[in-house]
């Protein structure tokens, strides 16, 4: 096998890695809070909210857990989302103590 044949797989792997890194950076640079709130509000209406759910039930908050960029609260469900727009976890808001 010629010597250059050994470098072709390395060049292809480097090119694929560079494209994946560019794609991840592009997503992080162009995603907005509105995009995240809209996407998870639609998820709530379609999957989790029940028959009377509406987009107006949802509100965006600063990240409520470690590593979360934004928390979307819809009714009793919280969606914790990272900076790339990926769902980290779901949960219910903690009960406020009664005094």
C-alpha atoms as a PDB file:
ATOM      1  CA  UNK A   1       0.000   0.000   0.000  1.00  0.00           C
ATOM      2  CA  UNK A   2       1.354   3.438  -0.843  1.00  0.00           C
ATOM      3  CA  UNK A   3       2.316   5.713   2.011  1.00  0.00           C
ATOM      4  CA  UNK A   4      -0.429   8.273   1.257  1.00  0.00           C
ATOM      5  CA  UNK A   5      -3.029   5.508   1.647  1.00  0.00           C
ATOM      6  CA  UNK A   6      -2.364   5.452   5.381  1.00  0.00           C
ATOM      7  CA  UNK A   7      -3.242   9.135   5.739  1.00  0.00           C
ATOM      8  CA  UNK A   8      -6.584   9.048   3.902  1.00  0.00           C
ATOM      9  CA  UNK A   9      -8.538   7.519   6.850  1.00  0.00           C
ATOM     10  CA  UNK A  10      -6.907  10.015   9.218  1.00  0.00           C
ATOM     11  CA  UNK A  11      -7.877  12.902   6.936  1.00  0.00           C
ATOM     12  CA  UNK A  12     -11.471  11.653   6.665  1.00  0.00           C
ATOM     13  CA  UNK A  13     -11.768  11.258  10.454  1.00  0.00           C
ATOM     14  CA  UNK A  14     -10.375  14.768  10.967  1.00  0.00           C
ATOM     15  CA  UNK A  15     -12.822  16.214   8.432  1.00  0.00           C
ATOM     16  CA  UNK A  16     -15.819  14.471  10.043  1.00  0.00           C
ATOM     17  CA  UNK A  17     -14.741  15.683  13.499  1.00  0.00           C
ATOM     18  CA  UNK A  18     -14.379  19.249  12.248  1.00  0.00           C
ATOM     19  CA  UNK A  19     -17.838  19.175  10.645  1.00  0.00           C
ATOM     20  CA  UNK A  20     -19.441  17.847  13.846  1.00  0.00           C
ATOM     21  CA  UNK A  21     -17.713  20.537  15.919  1.00  0.00           C
ATOM     22  CA  UNK A  22     -18.864  23.228  13.472  1.00  0.00           C
ATOM     23  CA  UNK A  23     -22.453  21.934  13.624  1.00  0.00           C
ATOM     24  CA  UNK A  24     -22.480  21.938  17.445  1.00  0.00           C
ATOM     25  CA  UNK A  25     -21.092  25.474  17.523  1.00  0.00           C
ATOM     26  CA  UNK A  26     -23.642  26.644  14.971  1.00  0.00           C
ATOM     27  CA  UNK A  27     -26.514  25.274  17.050  1.00  0.00           C
ATOM     28  CA  UNK A  28     -25.186  26.888  20.226  1.00  0.00           C
ATOM     29  CA  UNK A  29     -24.713  30.226  18.487  1.00  0.00           C
ATOM     30  CA  UNK A  30     -28.123  30.427  16.814  1.00  0.00           C
ATOM     31  CA  UNK A  31     -30.580  28.920  19.310  1.00  0.00           C
ATOM     32  CA  UNK A  32     -32.589  31.436  21.319  1.00  0.00           C
ATOM     33  CA  UNK A  33     -34.682  31.282  24.458  1.00  0.00           C
ATOM     34  CA  UNK A  34     -37.809  31.769  22.361  1.00  0.00           C
ATOM     35  CA  UNK A  35     -36.966  28.704  20.260  1.00  0.00           C
ATOM     36  CA  UNK A  36     -36.580  26.563  23.382  1.00  0.00           C
ATOM     37  CA  UNK A  37     -39.753  27.818  25.068  1.00  0.00           C
ATOM     38  CA  UNK A  38     -41.776  27.329  21.882  1.00  0.00           C
ATOM     39  CA  UNK A  39     -40.459  23.801  21.296  1.00  0.00           C
ATOM     40  CA  UNK A  40     -41.138  22.598  24.823  1.00  0.00           C
ATOM     41  CA  UNK A  41     -44.510  24.346  24.971  1.00  0.00           C
ATOM     42  CA  UNK A  42     -45.527  22.436  21.848  1.00  0.00           C
ATOM     43  CA  UNK A  43     -44.246  19.208  23.402  1.00  0.00           C
ATOM     44  CA  UNK A  44     -46.338  19.894  26.496  1.00  0.00           C
ATOM     45  CA  UNK A  45     -49.490  20.485  24.459  1.00  0.00           C
ATOM     46  CA  UNK A  46     -48.990  17.432  22.238  1.00  0.00           C
ATOM     47  CA  UNK A  47     -47.656  14.865  24.734  1.00  0.00           C
ATOM     48  CA  UNK A  48     -47.708  15.752  28.398  1.00  0.00           C
ATOM     49  CA  UNK A  49     -50.421  18.317  29.049  1.00  0.00           C
ATOM     50  CA  UNK A  50     -53.669  16.506  28.506  1.00  0.00           C
ATOM     51  CA  UNK A  51     -56.727  17.614  26.571  1.00  0.00           C
ATOM     52  CA  UNK A  52     -57.009  21.092  28.103  1.00  0.00           C
ATOM     53  CA  UNK A  53     -53.342  22.102  27.728  1.00  0.00           C
ATOM     54  CA  UNK A  54     -52.471  25.275  25.840  1.00  0.00           C
ATOM     55  CA  UNK A  55     -49.290  27.074  24.838  1.00  0.00           C
ATOM     56  CA  UNK A  56     -50.163  29.846  27.291  1.00  0.00           C
ATOM     57  CA  UNK A  57     -49.632  27.474  30.217  1.00  0.00           C
ATOM     58  CA  UNK A  58     -45.854  27.644  29.756  1.00  0.00           C
ATOM     59  CA  UNK A  59     -43.281  30.141  30.964  1.00  0.00           C
ATOM     60  CA  UNK A  60     -39.479  30.226  30.652  1.00  0.00           C
ATOM     61  CA  UNK A  61     -37.282  30.685  33.720  1.00  0.00           C
ATOM     62  CA  UNK A  62     -33.560  30.804  34.340  1.00  0.00           C
ATOM     63  CA  UNK A  63     -32.086  27.335  34.803  1.00  0.00           C
ATOM     64  CA  UNK A  64     -33.372  25.872  38.061  1.00  0.00           C
ATOM     65  CA  UNK A  65     -30.842  23.034  38.364  1.00  0.00           C
ATOM     66  CA  UNK A  66     -27.083  22.724  37.928  1.00  0.00           C
ATOM     67  CA  UNK A  67     -26.127  22.913  34.257  1.00  0.00           C
ATOM     68  CA  UNK A  68     -29.541  23.986  32.985  1.00  0.00           C
ATOM     69  CA  UNK A  69     -29.614  27.045  30.744  1.00  0.00           C
ATOM     70  CA  UNK A  70     -33.361  27.514  30.824  1.00  0.00           C
ATOM     71  CA  UNK A  71     -36.257  25.854  32.606  1.00  0.00           C
ATOM     72  CA  UNK A  72     -39.617  25.784  30.879  1.00  0.00           C
ATOM     73  CA  UNK A  73     -42.466  25.402  33.373  1.00  0.00           C
ATOM     74  CA  UNK A  74     -45.787  24.226  31.939  1.00  0.00           C
ATOM     75  CA  UNK A  75     -48.481  23.601  34.525  1.00  0.00           C
ATOM     76  CA  UNK A  76     -47.048  20.963  36.877  1.00  0.00           C
ATOM     77  CA  UNK A  77     -44.148  19.936  34.644  1.00  0.00           C
ATOM     78  CA  UNK A  78     -40.696  21.497  34.419  1.00  0.00           C
ATOM     79  CA  UNK A  79     -38.375  20.901  31.465  1.00  0.00           C
ATOM     80  CA  UNK A  80     -34.703  21.602  32.227  1.00  0.00           C
ATOM     81  CA  UNK A  81     -32.835  22.380  28.998  1.00  0.00           C
ATOM     82  CA  UNK A  82     -29.095  22.779  28.362  1.00  0.00           C
ATOM     83  CA  UNK A  83     -27.436  25.385  26.121  1.00  0.00           C
ATOM     84  CA  UNK A  84     -27.736  23.178  23.022  1.00  0.00           C
ATOM     85  CA  UNK A  85     -31.504  22.877  23.447  1.00  0.00           C
ATOM     86  CA  UNK A  86     -31.408  19.303  24.698  1.00  0.00           C
ATOM     87  CA  UNK A  87     -33.677  18.131  27.485  1.00  0.00           C
ATOM     88  CA  UNK A  88     -31.677  17.384  30.629  1.00  0.00           C
ATOM     89  CA  UNK A  89     -34.516  16.273  32.873  1.00  0.00           C
ATOM     90  CA  UNK A  90     -38.167  16.762  33.653  1.00  0.00           C
ATOM     91  CA  UNK A  91     -39.848  17.104  36.977  1.00  0.00           C
ATOM     92  CA  UNK A  92     -42.445  18.851  39.014  1.00  0.00           C
ATOM     93  CA  UNK A  93     -41.805  22.109  40.829  1.00  0.00           C
ATOM     94  CA  UNK A  94     -41.232  21.814  44.557  1.00  0.00           C
ATOM     95  CA  UNK A  95     -44.155  22.601  46.810  1.00  0.00           C
ATOM     96  CA  UNK A  96     -43.990  25.977  48.534  1.00  0.00           C
ATOM     97  CA  UNK A  97     -44.027  25.554  52.292  1.00  0.00           C
ATOM     98  CA  UNK A  98     -47.119  26.873  53.977  1.00  0.00           C
ATOM     99  CA  UNK A  99     -46.493  29.193  56.897  1.00  0.00           C
END
